[in-house]
Amino acid sequence: MSKLEGKVALITGAGSGIGRASAIHMAQAGAAVMCSDIDSQAAEGTVALISEAGGRADRHGAGRDKCSGNGKRLSRELFRIWAILMCSLTMLESVMDSAGTKLLP
């Protein structure tokens, strides 16, 4: 049995790159994964990949409008994601923040 079997993980930035790879890896290791990304379609794509492989995942697209601007708005959005997890899955066991920003020249 994997160390992640029966655990719940929240992955931010799960729509692409390291976040997507981490979400898929954690799901393969047995975790139920909540995928969050400012691009809700990208997060849905990660959920589809996990589901097609037999894993358990759900998504929350935070949306660019909810994550831009001040830290208070982002904190409220992260709390909302946590509340969704508590209502839909189970106790949150792991959080991985892989959301990043694009550096402009």
N, C-alpha and C. Protein backbone atom coordinates (compact mmCIF):
# COMPACT_ATOMS: atom_id res chain seq x y z
N MET A 1 0.83 -1.18 0.00
CA MET A 1 0.00 0.00 0.00
C MET A 1 0.88 1.25 0.00
N SER A 2 0.54 2.20 -0.85
CA SER A 2 1.29 3.44 -0.96
C SER A 2 1.06 4.33 0.25
N LYS A 3 2.03 5.19 0.53
CA LYS A 3 1.88 6.13 1.64
C LYS A 3 0.75 7.12 1.37
N LEU A 4 0.37 7.31 0.10
CA LEU A 4 -0.68 8.26 -0.23
C LEU A 4 -2.06 7.61 -0.39
N GLU A 5 -2.13 6.31 -0.27
CA GLU A 5 -3.40 5.60 -0.40
C GLU A 5 -4.41 6.12 0.61
N GLY A 6 -5.56 6.59 0.11
CA GLY A 6 -6.61 7.09 0.98
C GLY A 6 -6.42 8.51 1.47
N LYS A 7 -5.36 9.17 1.04
CA LYS A 7 -5.09 10.56 1.44
C LYS A 7 -5.69 11.51 0.42
N VAL A 8 -5.82 12.78 0.80
CA VAL A 8 -6.34 13.81 -0.09
C VAL A 8 -5.27 14.87 -0.26
N ALA A 9 -5.00 15.25 -1.52
CA ALA A 9 -3.98 16.25 -1.81
C ALA A 9 -4.58 17.39 -2.60
N LEU A 10 -4.20 18.61 -2.28
CA LEU A 10 -4.56 19.81 -3.04
C LEU A 10 -3.33 20.27 -3.79
N ILE A 11 -3.44 20.36 -5.10
CA ILE A 11 -2.33 20.81 -5.94
C ILE A 11 -2.74 22.10 -6.63
N THR A 12 -2.02 23.19 -6.35
CA THR A 12 -2.27 24.42 -7.10
C THR A 12 -1.35 24.42 -8.32
N GLY A 13 -1.79 25.06 -9.38
CA GLY A 13 -1.01 25.05 -10.61
C GLY A 13 -1.07 23.71 -11.31
N ALA A 14 -2.14 22.95 -11.05
CA ALA A 14 -2.26 21.58 -11.57
C ALA A 14 -2.63 21.51 -13.05
N GLY A 15 -2.83 22.65 -13.68
CA GLY A 15 -3.25 22.64 -15.08
C GLY A 15 -2.13 22.34 -16.06
N SER A 16 -0.88 22.48 -15.64
CA SER A 16 0.22 22.25 -16.57
C SER A 16 1.53 22.07 -15.80
N GLY A 17 2.56 21.68 -16.53
CA GLY A 17 3.91 21.61 -16.00
C GLY A 17 4.08 20.73 -14.78
N ILE A 18 4.85 21.25 -13.82
CA ILE A 18 5.17 20.50 -12.61
C ILE A 18 3.91 20.19 -11.81
N GLY A 19 2.96 21.14 -11.77
CA GLY A 19 1.72 20.91 -11.04
C GLY A 19 0.93 19.76 -11.61
N ARG A 20 0.80 19.71 -12.95
CA ARG A 20 0.07 18.60 -13.59
C ARG A 20 0.79 17.28 -13.33
N ALA A 21 2.09 17.26 -13.52
CA ALA A 21 2.86 16.03 -13.30
C ALA A 21 2.74 15.56 -11.85
N SER A 22 2.78 16.50 -10.92
CA SER A 22 2.67 16.14 -9.51
C SER A 22 1.29 15.60 -9.17
N ALA A 23 0.24 16.23 -9.74
CA ALA A 23 -1.13 15.75 -9.50
C ALA A 23 -1.29 14.33 -10.02
N ILE A 24 -0.79 14.08 -11.22
CA ILE A 24 -0.90 12.74 -11.81
C ILE A 24 -0.11 11.73 -10.97
N HIS A 25 1.08 12.11 -10.55
CA HIS A 25 1.92 11.21 -9.74
C HIS A 25 1.24 10.88 -8.41
N MET A 26 0.70 11.90 -7.74
CA MET A 26 0.04 11.65 -6.46
C MET A 26 -1.19 10.77 -6.63
N ALA A 27 -1.93 10.98 -7.73
CA ALA A 27 -3.10 10.13 -7.99
C ALA A 27 -2.68 8.69 -8.27
N GLN A 28 -1.59 8.51 -9.01
CA GLN A 28 -1.09 7.17 -9.29
C GLN A 28 -0.65 6.48 -8.00
N ALA A 29 -0.21 7.28 -7.02
CA ALA A 29 0.22 6.73 -5.73
C ALA A 29 -0.96 6.50 -4.79
N GLY A 30 -2.18 6.79 -5.26
CA GLY A 30 -3.37 6.47 -4.48
C GLY A 30 -4.11 7.63 -3.85
N ALA A 31 -3.60 8.84 -3.97
CA ALA A 31 -4.27 9.99 -3.36
C ALA A 31 -5.47 10.43 -4.19
N ALA A 32 -6.48 10.96 -3.51
CA ALA A 32 -7.55 11.69 -4.18
C ALA A 32 -7.03 13.12 -4.33
N VAL A 33 -7.09 13.67 -5.53
CA VAL A 33 -6.43 14.94 -5.81
C VAL A 33 -7.44 16.02 -6.17
N MET A 34 -7.31 17.18 -5.53
CA MET A 34 -8.06 18.37 -5.90
C MET A 34 -7.11 19.22 -6.72
N CYS A 35 -7.44 19.41 -8.00
CA CYS A 35 -6.60 20.17 -8.92
C CYS A 35 -7.11 21.60 -8.99
N SER A 36 -6.25 22.55 -8.73
CA SER A 36 -6.61 23.95 -8.79
C SER A 36 -5.67 24.67 -9.74
N ASP A 37 -6.24 25.58 -10.52
CA ASP A 37 -5.43 26.36 -11.47
C ASP A 37 -6.23 27.59 -11.85
N ILE A 38 -5.54 28.66 -12.22
CA ILE A 38 -6.26 29.85 -12.66
C ILE A 38 -6.93 29.60 -14.01
N ASP A 39 -6.45 28.59 -14.73
CA ASP A 39 -7.06 28.17 -15.99
C ASP A 39 -7.91 26.93 -15.71
N SER A 40 -9.21 27.14 -15.52
CA SER A 40 -10.08 26.03 -15.10
C SER A 40 -10.14 24.92 -16.15
N GLN A 41 -10.01 25.26 -17.43
CA GLN A 41 -10.02 24.22 -18.47
C GLN A 41 -8.77 23.36 -18.38
N ALA A 42 -7.64 23.97 -18.07
CA ALA A 42 -6.40 23.20 -17.91
C ALA A 42 -6.51 22.26 -16.71
N ALA A 43 -7.08 22.77 -15.60
CA ALA A 43 -7.28 21.91 -14.42
C ALA A 43 -8.22 20.76 -14.76
N GLU A 44 -9.26 21.03 -15.54
CA GLU A 44 -10.20 19.98 -15.96
C GLU A 44 -9.48 18.94 -16.81
N GLY A 45 -8.54 19.38 -17.64
CA GLY A 45 -7.75 18.44 -18.44
C GLY A 45 -6.93 17.50 -17.57
N THR A 46 -6.35 18.02 -16.50
CA THR A 46 -5.59 17.18 -15.57
C THR A 46 -6.51 16.19 -14.88
N VAL A 47 -7.68 16.65 -14.46
CA VAL A 47 -8.66 15.75 -13.83
C VAL A 47 -9.05 14.64 -14.80
N ALA A 48 -9.25 14.98 -16.07
CA ALA A 48 -9.62 13.98 -17.07
C ALA A 48 -8.51 12.93 -17.22
N LEU A 49 -7.26 13.38 -17.26
CA LEU A 49 -6.14 12.43 -17.38
C LEU A 49 -6.10 11.48 -16.18
N ILE A 50 -6.29 12.03 -15.00
CA ILE A 50 -6.28 11.21 -13.79
C ILE A 50 -7.44 10.23 -13.79
N SER A 51 -8.64 10.72 -14.13
CA SER A 51 -9.84 9.87 -14.14
C SER A 51 -9.73 8.75 -15.17
N GLU A 52 -9.22 9.09 -16.36
CA GLU A 52 -9.07 8.08 -17.42
C GLU A 52 -8.11 6.97 -17.00
N ALA A 53 -7.15 7.31 -16.14
CA ALA A 53 -6.19 6.31 -15.67
C ALA A 53 -6.71 5.57 -14.44
N GLY A 54 -7.94 5.87 -14.02
CA GLY A 54 -8.54 5.17 -12.89
C GLY A 54 -8.34 5.85 -11.55
N GLY A 55 -7.80 7.06 -11.55
CA GLY A 55 -7.59 7.78 -10.31
C GLY A 55 -8.80 8.59 -9.90
N ARG A 56 -8.70 9.19 -8.73
CA ARG A 56 -9.80 10.00 -8.19
C ARG A 56 -9.34 11.45 -8.12
N ALA A 57 -10.07 12.34 -8.82
CA ALA A 57 -9.69 13.75 -8.82
C ALA A 57 -10.91 14.62 -9.05
N ASP A 58 -10.78 15.84 -8.61
CA ASP A 58 -11.78 16.87 -8.84
C ASP A 58 -11.00 18.14 -9.13
N ARG A 59 -11.69 19.17 -9.60
CA ARG A 59 -10.97 20.40 -9.92
C ARG A 59 -11.70 21.60 -9.36
N HIS A 60 -10.89 22.61 -9.16
CA HIS A 60 -11.42 23.92 -8.82
C HIS A 60 -10.62 24.93 -9.61
N GLY A 61 -11.25 25.60 -10.55
CA GLY A 61 -10.59 26.63 -11.33
C GLY A 61 -10.74 27.95 -10.60
N ALA A 62 -9.67 28.43 -10.04
CA ALA A 62 -9.75 29.64 -9.22
C ALA A 62 -10.07 30.87 -10.06
N GLY A 63 -9.68 30.90 -11.31
CA GLY A 63 -9.98 32.03 -12.17
C GLY A 63 -9.00 33.18 -11.98
N ARG A 64 -8.60 33.75 -13.09
CA ARG A 64 -7.63 34.84 -13.05
C ARG A 64 -8.14 36.02 -12.23
N ASP A 65 -9.44 36.31 -12.33
CA ASP A 65 -9.99 37.46 -11.60
C ASP A 65 -9.94 37.26 -10.09
N LYS A 66 -9.99 36.02 -9.64
CA LYS A 66 -9.99 35.76 -8.20
C LYS A 66 -8.59 35.68 -7.63
N CYS A 67 -7.59 35.46 -8.47
CA CYS A 67 -6.24 35.27 -7.97
C CYS A 67 -5.31 36.44 -8.27
N SER A 68 -5.79 37.41 -9.01
CA SER A 68 -4.94 38.56 -9.28
C SER A 68 -5.21 39.62 -8.22
N GLY A 69 -4.29 40.53 -8.07
CA GLY A 69 -4.52 41.61 -7.12
C GLY A 69 -3.91 41.32 -5.76
N ASN A 70 -4.64 41.67 -4.73
CA ASN A 70 -4.06 41.62 -3.39
C ASN A 70 -4.10 40.23 -2.76
N GLY A 71 -3.32 40.07 -1.72
CA GLY A 71 -3.21 38.79 -1.03
C GLY A 71 -4.49 38.38 -0.31
N LYS A 72 -5.29 39.34 0.14
CA LYS A 72 -6.53 39.00 0.84
C LYS A 72 -7.48 38.25 -0.08
N ARG A 73 -7.58 38.68 -1.33
CA ARG A 73 -8.47 38.01 -2.27
C ARG A 73 -7.98 36.59 -2.52
N LEU A 74 -6.68 36.41 -2.68
CA LEU A 74 -6.13 35.07 -2.89
C LEU A 74 -6.34 34.20 -1.65
N SER A 75 -6.15 34.76 -0.47
CA SER A 75 -6.37 34.00 0.76
C SER A 75 -7.81 33.52 0.86
N ARG A 76 -8.77 34.40 0.53
CA ARG A 76 -10.17 34.00 0.56
C ARG A 76 -10.44 32.89 -0.44
N GLU A 77 -9.81 32.95 -1.62
CA GLU A 77 -10.01 31.91 -2.63
C GLU A 77 -9.43 30.58 -2.16
N LEU A 78 -8.26 30.61 -1.55
CA LEU A 78 -7.67 29.37 -1.04
C LEU A 78 -8.52 28.78 0.09
N PHE A 79 -9.09 29.63 0.94
CA PHE A 79 -9.98 29.14 1.98
C PHE A 79 -11.22 28.50 1.36
N ARG A 80 -11.73 29.10 0.28
CA ARG A 80 -12.90 28.53 -0.41
C ARG A 80 -12.57 27.15 -0.98
N ILE A 81 -11.39 27.00 -1.55
CA ILE A 81 -10.96 25.70 -2.07
C ILE A 81 -10.92 24.68 -0.93
N TRP A 82 -10.35 25.09 0.20
CA TRP A 82 -10.28 24.20 1.36
C TRP A 82 -11.69 23.78 1.79
N ALA A 83 -12.64 24.72 1.80
CA ALA A 83 -14.01 24.40 2.20
C ALA A 83 -14.64 23.41 1.23
N ILE A 84 -14.38 23.57 -0.05
CA ILE A 84 -14.89 22.62 -1.06
C ILE A 84 -14.33 21.23 -0.78
N LEU A 85 -13.04 21.17 -0.47
CA LEU A 85 -12.42 19.88 -0.15
C LEU A 85 -13.09 19.23 1.04
N MET A 86 -13.32 20.00 2.07
CA MET A 86 -13.91 19.45 3.29
C MET A 86 -15.31 18.92 3.04
N CYS A 87 -16.03 19.55 2.14
CA CYS A 87 -17.41 19.12 1.86
C CYS A 87 -17.48 17.96 0.88
N SER A 88 -16.54 17.90 -0.06
CA SER A 88 -16.69 16.93 -1.14
C SER A 88 -15.79 15.70 -1.00
N LEU A 89 -14.67 15.81 -0.42
CA LEU A 89 -13.77 14.65 -0.36
C LEU A 89 -13.64 14.16 1.07
N THR A 90 -12.71 14.69 1.80
CA THR A 90 -12.45 14.27 3.18
C THR A 90 -11.40 15.21 3.75
N MET A 91 -10.75 14.80 4.80
CA MET A 91 -9.73 15.63 5.43
C MET A 91 -8.54 15.83 4.51
N LEU A 92 -8.09 17.05 4.37
CA LEU A 92 -6.94 17.39 3.54
C LEU A 92 -5.67 16.90 4.22
N GLU A 93 -4.87 16.13 3.50
CA GLU A 93 -3.64 15.56 4.06
C GLU A 93 -2.38 16.23 3.52
N SER A 94 -2.44 16.77 2.29
CA SER A 94 -1.25 17.27 1.64
C SER A 94 -1.59 18.45 0.76
N VAL A 95 -0.71 19.45 0.75
CA VAL A 95 -0.87 20.61 -0.13
C VAL A 95 0.44 20.83 -0.86
N MET A 96 0.35 21.02 -2.18
CA MET A 96 1.52 21.35 -2.97
C MET A 96 1.22 22.59 -3.77
N ASP A 97 1.94 23.65 -3.52
CA ASP A 97 1.76 24.90 -4.25
C ASP A 97 2.77 24.95 -5.37
N SER A 98 2.31 24.66 -6.59
CA SER A 98 3.21 24.74 -7.73
C SER A 98 2.76 25.81 -8.70
N ALA A 99 1.82 26.64 -8.26
CA ALA A 99 1.36 27.75 -9.11
C ALA A 99 2.51 28.75 -9.22
N GLY A 100 2.69 29.24 -10.42
CA GLY A 100 3.75 30.22 -10.65
C GLY A 100 3.23 31.38 -11.45
N THR A 101 4.10 32.28 -11.72
CA THR A 101 3.75 33.43 -12.54
C THR A 101 4.67 33.48 -13.74
N LYS A 102 4.15 34.05 -14.79
CA LYS A 102 4.95 34.21 -16.00
C LYS A 102 5.81 35.45 -15.84
N LEU A 103 7.09 35.31 -16.07
CA LEU A 103 7.99 36.44 -15.99
C LEU A 103 7.99 37.16 -17.34
N LEU A 104 7.77 38.43 -17.29
CA LEU A 104 7.76 39.22 -18.52
C LEU A 104 9.13 39.84 -18.73
N PRO A 105 9.56 39.96 -20.01
CA PRO A 105 10.88 40.54 -20.28
C PRO A 105 10.96 42.01 -19.89
